[in-house]
């Protein structure tokens, strides 16, 4: 029986993605709540001018507000605990979705009544 020969493996390629300005803004938001300081930190991290960093911070705030409004519209319904279940039993949330019916009702054609003369 032959010994198994090892095949040469290709060299491992490492992908390098430099950080982006939105990532720098996200990091700055974790450090401070003041938008001016966030823009300053993001500008220093990325080496861009302050106006570009301010625009990125404003865009990030606008997206965060839109996401908060969307989250406020969602409602999770938690049903009452099952009968006989302990009080500290975990409750499961139920999300109710309304889907329109795909069955189309057929409208009956009007019936014609033939009257016979007397």
PDB file of N, CA and C in Angstrom:
ATOM      1  N   UNK A   1       0.837  -1.160   0.000  1.00  0.00           N
ATOM      2  CA  UNK A   1       0.000   0.000   0.000  1.00  0.00           C
ATOM      3  C   UNK A   1       0.894   1.240   0.000  1.00  0.00           C
ATOM      4  N   UNK A   2       0.495   2.238  -0.827  1.00  0.00           N
ATOM      5  CA  UNK A   2       1.297   3.447  -0.911  1.00  0.00           C
ATOM      6  C   UNK A   2       0.980   4.401   0.239  1.00  0.00           C
ATOM      7  N   UNK A   3       1.968   5.165   0.598  1.00  0.00           N
ATOM      8  CA  UNK A   3       1.749   6.198   1.605  1.00  0.00           C
ATOM      9  C   UNK A   3       1.048   7.382   0.928  1.00  0.00           C
ATOM     10  N   UNK A   4       0.124   7.978   1.623  1.00  0.00           N
ATOM     11  CA  UNK A   4      -0.605   9.118   1.061  1.00  0.00           C
ATOM     12  C   UNK A   4       0.331  10.313   0.943  1.00  0.00           C
ATOM     13  N   UNK A   5       0.350  10.902  -0.265  1.00  0.00           N
ATOM     14  CA  UNK A   5       1.199  12.071  -0.473  1.00  0.00           C
ATOM     15  C   UNK A   5       0.377  13.327  -0.202  1.00  0.00           C
ATOM     16  N   UNK A   6       0.981  14.257   0.456  1.00  0.00           N
ATOM     17  CA  UNK A   6       0.305  15.512   0.739  1.00  0.00           C
ATOM     18  C   UNK A   6       0.381  16.412  -0.482  1.00  0.00           C
ATOM     19  N   UNK A   7      -0.778  16.959  -0.852  1.00  0.00           N
ATOM     20  CA  UNK A   7      -0.809  17.877  -1.977  1.00  0.00           C
ATOM     21  C   UNK A   7      -0.396  19.256  -1.482  1.00  0.00           C
ATOM     22  N   UNK A   8       0.316  19.976  -2.296  1.00  0.00           N
ATOM     23  CA  UNK A   8       0.662  21.334  -1.870  1.00  0.00           C
ATOM     24  C   UNK A   8      -0.582  22.218  -1.857  1.00  0.00           C
ATOM     25  N   UNK A   9      -0.747  22.943  -0.811  1.00  0.00           N
ATOM     26  CA  UNK A   9      -1.893  23.822  -0.651  1.00  0.00           C
ATOM     27  C   UNK A   9      -1.562  25.195  -1.220  1.00  0.00           C
ATOM     28  N   UNK A  10      -2.560  25.886  -1.751  1.00  0.00           N
ATOM     29  CA  UNK A  10      -2.287  27.247  -2.243  1.00  0.00           C
ATOM     30  C   UNK A  10      -2.037  28.192  -1.066  1.00  0.00           C
ATOM     31  N   UNK A  11      -1.365  29.277  -1.360  1.00  0.00           N
ATOM     32  CA  UNK A  11      -1.057  30.257  -0.319  1.00  0.00           C
ATOM     33  C   UNK A  11      -2.349  30.891   0.185  1.00  0.00           C
ATOM     34  N   UNK A  12      -2.392  31.178   1.448  1.00  0.00           N
ATOM     35  CA  UNK A  12      -3.564  31.788   2.061  1.00  0.00           C
ATOM     36  C   UNK A  12      -3.547  33.271   1.735  1.00  0.00           C
ATOM     37  N   UNK A  13      -4.661  33.725   1.155  1.00  0.00           N
ATOM     38  CA  UNK A  13      -4.776  35.145   0.844  1.00  0.00           C
ATOM     39  C   UNK A  13      -5.627  35.811   1.917  1.00  0.00           C
ATOM     40  N   UNK A  14      -5.137  36.897   2.426  1.00  0.00           N
ATOM     41  CA  UNK A  14      -5.845  37.634   3.471  1.00  0.00           C
ATOM     42  C   UNK A  14      -6.432  38.889   2.842  1.00  0.00           C
ATOM     43  N   UNK A  15      -7.713  39.069   3.034  1.00  0.00           N
ATOM     44  CA  UNK A  15      -8.382  40.240   2.492  1.00  0.00           C
ATOM     45  C   UNK A  15      -8.250  41.375   3.489  1.00  0.00           C
ATOM     46  N   UNK A  16      -7.855  42.527   2.992  1.00  0.00           N
ATOM     47  CA  UNK A  16      -7.689  43.686   3.865  1.00  0.00           C
ATOM     48  C   UNK A  16      -8.703  44.740   3.456  1.00  0.00           C
ATOM     49  N   UNK A  17      -9.657  45.038   4.329  1.00  0.00           N
ATOM     50  CA  UNK A  17     -10.641  46.080   4.086  1.00  0.00           C
ATOM     51  C   UNK A  17     -10.354  47.238   5.033  1.00  0.00           C
ATOM     52  N   UNK A  18      -9.961  48.387   4.506  1.00  0.00           N
ATOM     53  CA  UNK A  18      -9.722  49.517   5.391  1.00  0.00           C
ATOM     54  C   UNK A  18     -11.034  49.982   6.021  1.00  0.00           C
ATOM     55  N   UNK A  19     -10.985  50.572   7.187  1.00  0.00           N
ATOM     56  CA  UNK A  19     -12.219  51.030   7.839  1.00  0.00           C
ATOM     57  C   UNK A  19     -12.876  52.145   7.029  1.00  0.00           C
ATOM     58  N   UNK A  20     -14.180  52.246   7.169  1.00  0.00           N
ATOM     59  CA  UNK A  20     -14.945  53.264   6.456  1.00  0.00           C
ATOM     60  C   UNK A  20     -15.386  54.354   7.421  1.00  0.00           C
ATOM     61  N   UNK A  21     -15.839  55.465   6.861  1.00  0.00           N
ATOM     62  CA  UNK A  21     -16.289  56.583   7.693  1.00  0.00           C
ATOM     63  C   UNK A  21     -17.502  56.215   8.557  1.00  0.00           C
ATOM     64  N   UNK A  22     -18.520  55.468   8.033  1.00  0.00           N
ATOM     65  CA  UNK A  22     -19.620  55.074   8.926  1.00  0.00           C
ATOM     66  C   UNK A  22     -19.155  54.197  10.096  1.00  0.00           C
ATOM     67  N   UNK A  23     -18.152  53.374   9.881  1.00  0.00           N
ATOM     68  CA  UNK A  23     -17.615  52.568  10.985  1.00  0.00           C
ATOM     69  C   UNK A  23     -16.931  53.454  12.019  1.00  0.00           C
ATOM     70  N   UNK A  24     -16.246  54.494  11.555  1.00  0.00           N
ATOM     71  CA  UNK A  24     -15.606  55.429  12.485  1.00  0.00           C
ATOM     72  C   UNK A  24     -16.653  56.204  13.273  1.00  0.00           C
ATOM     73  N   UNK A  25     -17.752  56.571  12.617  1.00  0.00           N
ATOM     74  CA  UNK A  25     -18.841  57.271  13.318  1.00  0.00           C
ATOM     75  C   UNK A  25     -19.458  56.356  14.357  1.00  0.00           C
ATOM     76  N   UNK A  26     -19.634  55.079  14.019  1.00  0.00           N
ATOM     77  CA  UNK A  26     -20.186  54.114  14.978  1.00  0.00           C
ATOM     78  C   UNK A  26     -19.280  53.991  16.199  1.00  0.00           C
ATOM     79  N   UNK A  27     -17.969  53.958  15.975  1.00  0.00           N
ATOM     80  CA  UNK A  27     -17.021  53.890  17.092  1.00  0.00           C
ATOM     81  C   UNK A  27     -17.088  55.164  17.931  1.00  0.00           C
ATOM     82  N   UNK A  28     -17.231  56.311  17.273  1.00  0.00           N
ATOM     83  CA  UNK A  28     -17.304  57.580  17.997  1.00  0.00           C
ATOM     84  C   UNK A  28     -18.594  57.674  18.809  1.00  0.00           C
ATOM     85  N   UNK A  29     -19.679  57.107  18.290  1.00  0.00           N
ATOM     86  CA  UNK A  29     -20.938  57.117  19.036  1.00  0.00           C
ATOM     87  C   UNK A  29     -20.830  56.292  20.306  1.00  0.00           C
ATOM     88  N   UNK A  30     -19.972  55.284  20.284  1.00  0.00           N
ATOM     89  CA  UNK A  30     -19.769  54.485  21.485  1.00  0.00           C
ATOM     90  C   UNK A  30     -18.946  55.212  22.538  1.00  0.00           C
ATOM     91  N   UNK A  31     -18.205  56.234  22.121  1.00  0.00           N
ATOM     92  CA  UNK A  31     -17.345  56.959  23.060  1.00  0.00           C
ATOM     93  C   UNK A  31     -18.029  58.165  23.677  1.00  0.00           C
ATOM     94  N   UNK A  32     -18.875  58.852  22.928  1.00  0.00           N
ATOM     95  CA  UNK A  32     -19.494  60.070  23.440  1.00  0.00           C
ATOM     96  C   UNK A  32     -20.883  60.242  22.844  1.00  0.00           C
ATOM     97  N   UNK A  33     -21.711  61.054  23.512  1.00  0.00           N
ATOM     98  CA  UNK A  33     -23.057  61.330  23.040  1.00  0.00           C
ATOM     99  C   UNK A  33     -23.147  62.650  22.277  1.00  0.00           C
ATOM    100  N   UNK A  34     -22.136  63.501  22.390  1.00  0.00           N
ATOM    101  CA  UNK A  34     -22.139  64.809  21.747  1.00  0.00           C
ATOM    102  C   UNK A  34     -21.804  64.663  20.260  1.00  0.00           C
ATOM    103  N   UNK A  35     -22.695  65.102  19.353  1.00  0.00           N
ATOM    104  CA  UNK A  35     -22.437  64.942  17.923  1.00  0.00           C
ATOM    105  C   UNK A  35     -21.185  65.673  17.440  1.00  0.00           C
ATOM    106  N   UNK A  36     -20.875  66.812  18.057  1.00  0.00           N
ATOM    107  CA  UNK A  36     -19.669  67.557  17.652  1.00  0.00           C
ATOM    108  C   UNK A  36     -18.406  66.772  17.990  1.00  0.00           C
ATOM    109  N   UNK A  37     -18.385  66.165  19.169  1.00  0.00           N
ATOM    110  CA  UNK A  37     -17.234  65.341  19.546  1.00  0.00           C
ATOM    111  C   UNK A  37     -17.166  64.080  18.684  1.00  0.00           C
ATOM    112  N   UNK A  38     -18.331  63.521  18.343  1.00  0.00           N
ATOM    113  CA  UNK A  38     -18.350  62.348  17.473  1.00  0.00           C
ATOM    114  C   UNK A  38     -17.733  62.676  16.117  1.00  0.00           C
ATOM    115  N   UNK A  39     -18.080  63.844  15.565  1.00  0.00           N
ATOM    116  CA  UNK A  39     -17.529  64.245  14.271  1.00  0.00           C
ATOM    117  C   UNK A  39     -16.024  64.459  14.373  1.00  0.00           C
ATOM    118  N   UNK A  40     -15.579  65.042  15.476  1.00  0.00           N
ATOM    119  CA  UNK A  40     -14.142  65.283  15.669  1.00  0.00           C
ATOM    120  C   UNK A  40     -13.392  63.950  15.764  1.00  0.00           C
ATOM    121  N   UNK A  41     -13.919  63.012  16.521  1.00  0.00           N
ATOM    122  CA  UNK A  41     -13.260  61.701  16.677  1.00  0.00           C
ATOM    123  C   UNK A  41     -13.227  60.967  15.336  1.00  0.00           C
ATOM    124  N   UNK A  42     -14.355  60.971  14.614  1.00  0.00           N
ATOM    125  CA  UNK A  42     -14.413  60.280  13.326  1.00  0.00           C
ATOM    126  C   UNK A  42     -13.457  60.922  12.322  1.00  0.00           C
ATOM    127  N   UNK A  43     -13.361  62.251  12.332  1.00  0.00           N
ATOM    128  CA  UNK A  43     -12.450  62.940  11.421  1.00  0.00           C
ATOM    129  C   UNK A  43     -10.996  62.587  11.722  1.00  0.00           C
ATOM    130  N   UNK A  44     -10.655  62.504  13.003  1.00  0.00           N
ATOM    131  CA  UNK A  44      -9.284  62.156  13.369  1.00  0.00           C
ATOM    132  C   UNK A  44      -8.976  60.694  13.052  1.00  0.00           C
ATOM    133  N   UNK A  45      -9.954  59.812  13.249  1.00  0.00           N
ATOM    134  CA  UNK A  45      -9.720  58.397  12.950  1.00  0.00           C
ATOM    135  C   UNK A  45      -9.511  58.159  11.457  1.00  0.00           C
ATOM    136  N   UNK A  46     -10.295  58.840  10.644  1.00  0.00           N
ATOM    137  CA  UNK A  46     -10.260  58.582   9.203  1.00  0.00           C
ATOM    138  C   UNK A  46      -9.373  59.545   8.433  1.00  0.00           C
ATOM    139  N   UNK A  47      -8.980  60.648   9.043  1.00  0.00           N
ATOM    140  CA  UNK A  47      -8.150  61.622   8.342  1.00  0.00           C
ATOM    141  C   UNK A  47      -8.924  62.413   7.298  1.00  0.00           C
ATOM    142  N   UNK A  48     -10.194  62.701   7.573  1.00  0.00           N
ATOM    143  CA  UNK A  48     -11.019  63.497   6.661  1.00  0.00           C
ATOM    144  C   UNK A  48     -11.300  64.838   7.311  1.00  0.00           C
ATOM    145  N   UNK A  49     -11.828  65.776   6.505  1.00  0.00           N
ATOM    146  CA  UNK A  49     -12.129  67.089   7.074  1.00  0.00           C
ATOM    147  C   UNK A  49     -13.386  67.033   7.947  1.00  0.00           C
ATOM    148  N   UNK A  50     -13.559  68.051   8.780  1.00  0.00           N
ATOM    149  CA  UNK A  50     -14.652  68.057   9.754  1.00  0.00           C
ATOM    150  C   UNK A  50     -16.020  68.099   9.084  1.00  0.00           C
ATOM    151  N   UNK A  51     -16.146  68.808   7.957  1.00  0.00           N
ATOM    152  CA  UNK A  51     -17.449  68.916   7.298  1.00  0.00           C
ATOM    153  C   UNK A  51     -17.944  67.549   6.822  1.00  0.00           C
ATOM    154  N   UNK A  52     -17.049  66.751   6.285  1.00  0.00           N
ATOM    155  CA  UNK A  52     -17.432  65.411   5.837  1.00  0.00           C
ATOM    156  C   UNK A  52     -17.819  64.527   7.024  1.00  0.00           C
ATOM    157  N   UNK A  53     -17.092  64.664   8.117  1.00  0.00           N
ATOM    158  CA  UNK A  53     -17.400  63.885   9.318  1.00  0.00           C
ATOM    159  C   UNK A  53     -18.726  64.328   9.924  1.00  0.00           C
ATOM    160  N   UNK A  54     -19.001  65.646   9.913  1.00  0.00           N
ATOM    161  CA  UNK A  54     -20.285  66.136  10.441  1.00  0.00           C
ATOM    162  C   UNK A  54     -21.455  65.603   9.625  1.00  0.00           C
ATOM    163  N   UNK A  55     -21.276  65.562   8.314  1.00  0.00           N
ATOM    164  CA  UNK A  55     -22.338  65.043   7.454  1.00  0.00           C
ATOM    165  C   UNK A  55     -22.584  63.555   7.737  1.00  0.00           C
ATOM    166  N   UNK A  56     -21.514  62.808   7.967  1.00  0.00           N
ATOM    167  CA  UNK A  56     -21.664  61.378   8.269  1.00  0.00           C
ATOM    168  C   UNK A  56     -22.342  61.171   9.617  1.00  0.00           C
ATOM    169  N   UNK A  57     -22.021  62.003  10.606  1.00  0.00           N
ATOM    170  CA  UNK A  57     -22.652  61.900  11.931  1.00  0.00           C
ATOM    171  C   UNK A  57     -24.135  62.248  11.827  1.00  0.00           C
ATOM    172  N   UNK A  58     -24.468  63.284  11.054  1.00  0.00           N
ATOM    173  CA  UNK A  58     -25.880  63.665  10.883  1.00  0.00           C
ATOM    174  C   UNK A  58     -26.655  62.556  10.189  1.00  0.00           C
ATOM    175  N   UNK A  59     -26.047  61.927   9.186  1.00  0.00           N
ATOM    176  CA  UNK A  59     -26.703  60.820   8.482  1.00  0.00           C
ATOM    177  C   UNK A  59     -26.927  59.639   9.428  1.00  0.00           C
ATOM    178  N   UNK A  60     -25.939  59.344  10.272  1.00  0.00           N
ATOM    179  CA  UNK A  60     -26.073  58.238  11.221  1.00  0.00           C
ATOM    180  C   UNK A  60     -27.184  58.525  12.231  1.00  0.00           C
ATOM    181  N   UNK A  61     -27.289  59.773  12.673  1.00  0.00           N
ATOM    182  CA  UNK A  61     -28.366  60.134  13.609  1.00  0.00           C
ATOM    183  C   UNK A  61     -29.731  60.010  12.941  1.00  0.00           C
ATOM    184  N   UNK A  62     -29.821  60.435  11.668  1.00  0.00           N
ATOM    185  CA  UNK A  62     -31.086  60.344  10.948  1.00  0.00           C
ATOM    186  C   UNK A  62     -31.507  58.881  10.783  1.00  0.00           C
ATOM    187  N   UNK A  63     -30.556  58.010  10.472  1.00  0.00           N
ATOM    188  CA  UNK A  63     -30.866  56.586  10.335  1.00  0.00           C
ATOM    189  C   UNK A  63     -31.278  55.972  11.671  1.00  0.00           C
ATOM    190  N   UNK A  64     -30.637  56.400  12.765  1.00  0.00           N
ATOM    191  CA  UNK A  64     -30.977  55.872  14.085  1.00  0.00           C
ATOM    192  C   UNK A  64     -32.390  56.292  14.490  1.00  0.00           C
ATOM    193  N   UNK A  65     -32.762  57.544  14.175  1.00  0.00           N
ATOM    194  CA  UNK A  65     -34.121  58.007  14.493  1.00  0.00           C
ATOM    195  C   UNK A  65     -35.163  57.251  13.681  1.00  0.00           C
ATOM    196  N   UNK A  66     -34.870  56.997  12.409  1.00  0.00           N
ATOM    197  CA  UNK A  66     -35.813  56.251  11.573  1.00  0.00           C
ATOM    198  C   UNK A  66     -35.965  54.824  12.087  1.00  0.00           C
ATOM    199  N   UNK A  67     -34.874  54.228  12.527  1.00  0.00           N
ATOM    200  CA  UNK A  67     -34.941  52.875  13.073  1.00  0.00           C
ATOM    201  C   UNK A  67     -35.723  52.847  14.380  1.00  0.00           C
ATOM    202  N   UNK A  68     -35.578  53.881  15.206  1.00  0.00           N
ATOM    203  CA  UNK A  68     -36.326  53.951  16.464  1.00  0.00           C
ATOM    204  C   UNK A  68     -37.824  54.103  16.190  1.00  0.00           C
ATOM    205  N   UNK A  69     -38.179  54.917  15.169  1.00  0.00           N
ATOM    206  CA  UNK A  69     -39.592  55.059  14.818  1.00  0.00           C
ATOM    207  C   UNK A  69     -40.164  53.733  14.327  1.00  0.00           C
ATOM    208  N   UNK A  70     -39.387  53.006  13.541  1.00  0.00           N
ATOM    209  CA  UNK A  70     -39.848  51.708  13.029  1.00  0.00           C
ATOM    210  C   UNK A  70     -40.023  50.705  14.173  1.00  0.00           C
ATOM    211  N   UNK A  71     -39.104  50.714  15.132  1.00  0.00           N
ATOM    212  CA  UNK A  71     -39.198  49.794  16.265  1.00  0.00           C
ATOM    213  C   UNK A  71     -40.396  50.132  17.147  1.00  0.00           C
ATOM    214  N   UNK A  72     -40.759  51.414  17.212  1.00  0.00           N
ATOM    215  CA  UNK A  72     -41.891  51.820  18.044  1.00  0.00           C
ATOM    216  C   UNK A  72     -43.210  51.332  17.444  1.00  0.00           C
ATOM    217  N   UNK A  73     -43.261  51.128  16.130  1.00  0.00           N
ATOM    218  CA  UNK A  73     -44.498  50.677  15.497  1.00  0.00           C
ATOM    219  C   UNK A  73     -44.748  49.192  15.701  1.00  0.00           C
ATOM    220  N   UNK A  74     -43.695  48.426  15.937  1.00  0.00           N
ATOM    221  CA  UNK A  74     -43.862  46.988  16.139  1.00  0.00           C
ATOM    222  C   UNK A  74     -44.395  46.718  17.532  1.00  0.00           C
ATOM    223  N   UNK A  75     -45.276  45.779  17.630  1.00  0.00           N
ATOM    224  CA  UNK A  75     -45.825  45.405  18.926  1.00  0.00           C
ATOM    225  C   UNK A  75     -45.680  43.902  19.095  1.00  0.00           C
ATOM    226  N   UNK A  76     -45.139  43.507  20.229  1.00  0.00           N
ATOM    227  CA  UNK A  76     -45.021  42.089  20.549  1.00  0.00           C
ATOM    228  C   UNK A  76     -46.060  41.780  21.607  1.00  0.00           C
ATOM    229  N   UNK A  77     -46.899  40.818  21.324  1.00  0.00           N
ATOM    230  CA  UNK A  77     -47.975  40.437  22.229  1.00  0.00           C
ATOM    231  C   UNK A  77     -47.502  39.243  23.038  1.00  0.00           C
ATOM    232  N   UNK A  78     -47.591  39.343  24.358  1.00  0.00           N
ATOM    233  CA  UNK A  78     -47.237  38.209  25.204  1.00  0.00           C
ATOM    234  C   UNK A  78     -48.518  37.679  25.826  1.00  0.00           C
ATOM    235  N   UNK A  79     -48.853  36.446  25.539  1.00  0.00           N
ATOM    236  CA  UNK A  79     -50.092  35.895  26.077  1.00  0.00           C
ATOM    237  C   UNK A  79     -49.981  35.633  27.574  1.00  0.00           C
ATOM    238  N   UNK A  80     -51.119  35.429  28.185  1.00  0.00           N
ATOM    239  CA  UNK A  80     -51.149  35.098  29.601  1.00  0.00           C
ATOM    240  C   UNK A  80     -50.506  33.723  29.818  1.00  0.00           C
ATOM    241  N   UNK A  81     -49.944  33.500  31.004  1.00  0.00           N
ATOM    242  CA  UNK A  81     -49.317  32.191  31.235  1.00  0.00           C
ATOM    243  C   UNK A  81     -50.354  31.075  31.194  1.00  0.00           C
ATOM    244  N   UNK A  82     -49.906  29.908  30.831  1.00  0.00           N
ATOM    245  CA  UNK A  82     -50.801  28.757  30.761  1.00  0.00           C
ATOM    246  C   UNK A  82     -51.329  28.397  32.145  1.00  0.00           C
ATOM    247  N   UNK A  83     -52.475  27.791  32.164  1.00  0.00           N
ATOM    248  CA  UNK A  83     -53.073  27.392  33.428  1.00  0.00           C
ATOM    249  C   UNK A  83     -52.193  26.324  34.079  1.00  0.00           C
ATOM    250  N   UNK A  84     -51.846  26.537  35.310  1.00  0.00           N
ATOM    251  CA  UNK A  84     -51.043  25.572  36.049  1.00  0.00           C
ATOM    252  C   UNK A  84     -49.542  25.759  35.872  1.00  0.00           C
ATOM    253  N   UNK A  85     -49.134  26.688  35.032  1.00  0.00           N
ATOM    254  CA  UNK A  85     -47.703  26.923  34.828  1.00  0.00           C
ATOM    255  C   UNK A  85     -47.182  27.782  35.976  1.00  0.00           C
ATOM    256  N   UNK A  86     -45.932  27.591  36.370  1.00  0.00           N
ATOM    257  CA  UNK A  86     -45.386  28.435  37.437  1.00  0.00           C
ATOM    258  C   UNK A  86     -45.328  29.894  37.002  1.00  0.00           C
ATOM    259  N   UNK A  87     -45.356  30.793  37.960  1.00  0.00           N
ATOM    260  CA  UNK A  87     -45.397  32.221  37.664  1.00  0.00           C
ATOM    261  C   UNK A  87     -44.141  32.699  36.933  1.00  0.00           C
ATOM    262  N   UNK A  88     -42.998  32.059  37.210  1.00  0.00           N
ATOM    263  CA  UNK A  88     -41.754  32.506  36.583  1.00  0.00           C
ATOM    264  C   UNK A  88     -41.461  31.766  35.283  1.00  0.00           C
ATOM    265  N   UNK A  89     -42.469  31.062  34.740  1.00  0.00           N
ATOM    266  CA  UNK A  89     -42.277  30.347  33.474  1.00  0.00           C
ATOM    267  C   UNK A  89     -42.052  31.371  32.361  1.00  0.00           C
ATOM    268  N   UNK A  90     -41.167  31.071  31.437  1.00  0.00           N
ATOM    269  CA  UNK A  90     -40.912  32.046  30.362  1.00  0.00           C
ATOM    270  C   UNK A  90     -42.125  32.196  29.459  1.00  0.00           C
ATOM    271  N   UNK A  91     -42.379  33.426  29.079  1.00  0.00           N
ATOM    272  CA  UNK A  91     -43.492  33.702  28.172  1.00  0.00           C
ATOM    273  C   UNK A  91     -42.925  33.898  26.777  1.00  0.00           C
ATOM    274  N   UNK A  92     -43.618  33.364  25.829  1.00  0.00           N
ATOM    275  CA  UNK A  92     -43.171  33.507  24.449  1.00  0.00           C
ATOM    276  C   UNK A  92     -43.968  34.609  23.781  1.00  0.00           C
ATOM    277  N   UNK A  93     -43.270  35.457  23.057  1.00  0.00           N
ATOM    278  CA  UNK A  93     -43.936  36.529  22.329  1.00  0.00           C
ATOM    279  C   UNK A  93     -44.570  35.998  21.058  1.00  0.00           C
ATOM    280  N   UNK A  94     -45.659  36.590  20.700  1.00  0.00           N
ATOM    281  CA  UNK A  94     -46.371  36.187  19.490  1.00  0.00           C
ATOM    282  C   UNK A  94     -46.442  37.394  18.575  1.00  0.00           C
ATOM    283  N   UNK A  95     -46.014  37.216  17.349  1.00  0.00           N
ATOM    284  CA  UNK A  95     -46.106  38.280  16.360  1.00  0.00           C
ATOM    285  C   UNK A  95     -47.221  37.902  15.405  1.00  0.00           C
ATOM    286  N   UNK A  96     -48.186  38.792  15.294  1.00  0.00           N
ATOM    287  CA  UNK A  96     -49.341  38.523  14.445  1.00  0.00           C
ATOM    288  C   UNK A  96     -49.173  39.312  13.157  1.00  0.00           C
ATOM    289  N   UNK A  97     -49.239  38.612  12.038  1.00  0.00           N
ATOM    290  CA  UNK A  97     -49.119  39.240  10.740  1.00  0.00           C
ATOM    291  C   UNK A  97     -50.407  39.035   9.984  1.00  0.00           C
ATOM    292  N   UNK A  98     -50.868  40.068   9.360  1.00  0.00           N
ATOM    293  CA  UNK A  98     -52.058  39.932   8.539  1.00  0.00           C
ATOM    294  C   UNK A  98     -51.605  39.806   7.102  1.00  0.00           C
ATOM    295  N   UNK A  99     -51.993  38.715   6.481  1.00  0.00           N
ATOM    296  CA  UNK A  99     -51.675  38.509   5.073  1.00  0.00           C
ATOM    297  C   UNK A  99     -52.975  38.502   4.293  1.00  0.00           C
ATOM    298  N   UNK A 100     -53.023  39.223   3.201  1.00  0.00           N
ATOM    299  CA  UNK A 100     -54.262  39.232   2.420  1.00  0.00           C
ATOM    300  C   UNK A 100     -54.501  37.875   1.783  1.00  0.00           C
ATOM    301  N   UNK A 101     -55.754  37.550   1.643  1.00  0.00           N
ATOM    302  CA  UNK A 101     -56.125  36.279   1.058  1.00  0.00           C
ATOM    303  C   UNK A 101     -55.804  36.277  -0.429  1.00  0.00           C
ATOM    304  N   UNK A 102     -55.352  35.139  -0.926  1.00  0.00           N
ATOM    305  CA  UNK A 102     -55.051  35.038  -2.344  1.00  0.00           C
ATOM    306  C   UNK A 102     -56.226  34.448  -3.110  1.00  0.00           C
ATOM    307  N   UNK A 103     -57.261  34.045  -2.397  1.00  0.00           N
ATOM    308  CA  UNK A 103     -58.448  33.497  -3.058  1.00  0.00           C
ATOM    309  C   UNK A 103     -59.363  34.658  -3.449  1.00  0.00           C
ATOM    310  N   UNK A 104     -59.676  34.715  -4.704  1.00  0.00           N
ATOM    311  CA  UNK A 104     -60.540  35.781  -5.168  1.00  0.00           C
ATOM    312  C   UNK A 104     -61.964  35.251  -5.271  1.00  0.00           C
ATOM    313  N   UNK A 105     -62.870  36.000  -4.708  1.00  0.00           N
ATOM    314  CA  UNK A 105     -64.271  35.583  -4.779  1.00  0.00           C
ATOM    315  C   UNK A 105     -64.783  35.869  -6.182  1.00  0.00           C
ATOM    316  N   UNK A 106     -65.477  34.927  -6.716  1.00  0.00           N
ATOM    317  CA  UNK A 106     -66.068  35.162  -8.025  1.00  0.00           C
ATOM    318  C   UNK A 106     -67.447  35.754  -7.820  1.00  0.00           C
ATOM    319  N   UNK A 107     -67.716  36.777  -8.540  1.00  0.00           N
ATOM    320  CA  UNK A 107     -69.003  37.443  -8.416  1.00  0.00           C
ATOM    321  C   UNK A 107     -69.987  36.718  -9.332  1.00  0.00           C
ATOM    322  N   UNK A 108     -71.101  36.251  -8.787  1.00  0.00           N
ATOM    323  CA  UNK A 108     -72.064  35.535  -9.639  1.00  0.00           C
ATOM    324  C   UNK A 108     -72.671  36.485 -10.662  1.00  0.00           C
ATOM    325  N   UNK A 109     -72.865  35.954 -11.840  1.00  0.00           N
ATOM    326  CA  UNK A 109     -73.495  36.757 -12.879  1.00  0.00           C
ATOM    327  C   UNK A 109     -74.967  36.943 -12.552  1.00  0.00           C
ATOM    328  N   UNK A 110     -75.487  38.069 -12.926  1.00  0.00           N
ATOM    329  CA  UNK A 110     -76.918  38.270 -12.657  1.00  0.00           C
ATOM    330  C   UNK A 110     -77.738  37.301 -13.500  1.00  0.00           C
ATOM    331  N   UNK A 111     -78.713  36.734 -12.866  1.00  0.00           N
ATOM    332  CA  UNK A 111     -79.561  35.780 -13.580  1.00  0.00           C
ATOM    333  C   UNK A 111     -80.618  36.538 -14.371  1.00  0.00           C
ATOM    334  N   UNK A 112     -80.901  36.028 -15.512  1.00  0.00           N
ATOM    335  CA  UNK A 112     -81.938  36.663 -16.331  1.00  0.00           C
ATOM    336  C   UNK A 112     -83.253  35.922 -16.114  1.00  0.00           C
ATOM    337  N   UNK A 113     -84.269  36.644 -15.944  1.00  0.00           N
ATOM    338  CA  UNK A 113     -85.598  36.055 -15.736  1.00  0.00           C
ATOM    339  C   UNK A 113     -86.391  36.277 -17.008  1.00  0.00           C
ATOM    340  N   UNK A 114     -86.829  35.186 -17.575  1.00  0.00           N
ATOM    341  CA  UNK A 114     -87.642  35.300 -18.784  1.00  0.00           C
ATOM    342  C   UNK A 114     -89.109  35.223 -18.391  1.00  0.00           C
ATOM    343  N   UNK A 115     -89.789  36.216 -18.773  1.00  0.00           N
ATOM    344  CA  UNK A 115     -91.222  36.259 -18.516  1.00  0.00           C
ATOM    345  C   UNK A 115     -91.960  35.792 -19.763  1.00  0.00           C
ATOM    346  N   UNK A 116     -92.852  34.896 -19.533  1.00  0.00           N
ATOM    347  CA  UNK A 116     -93.644  34.413 -20.661  1.00  0.00           C
ATOM    348  C   UNK A 116     -94.940  35.185 -20.707  1.00  0.00           C
ATOM    349  N   UNK A 117     -95.360  35.514 -21.908  1.00  0.00           N
ATOM    350  CA  UNK A 117     -96.631  36.241 -21.990  1.00  0.00           C
ATOM    351  C   UNK A 117     -97.813  35.350 -21.609  1.00  0.00           C
ATOM    352  N   UNK A 118     -98.841  35.884 -21.082  1.00  0.00           N
ATOM    353  CA  UNK A 118    -100.015  35.130 -20.655  1.00  0.00           C
ATOM    354  C   UNK A 118    -100.993  34.948 -21.720  1.00  0.00           C
TER     355      UNK A 118
END
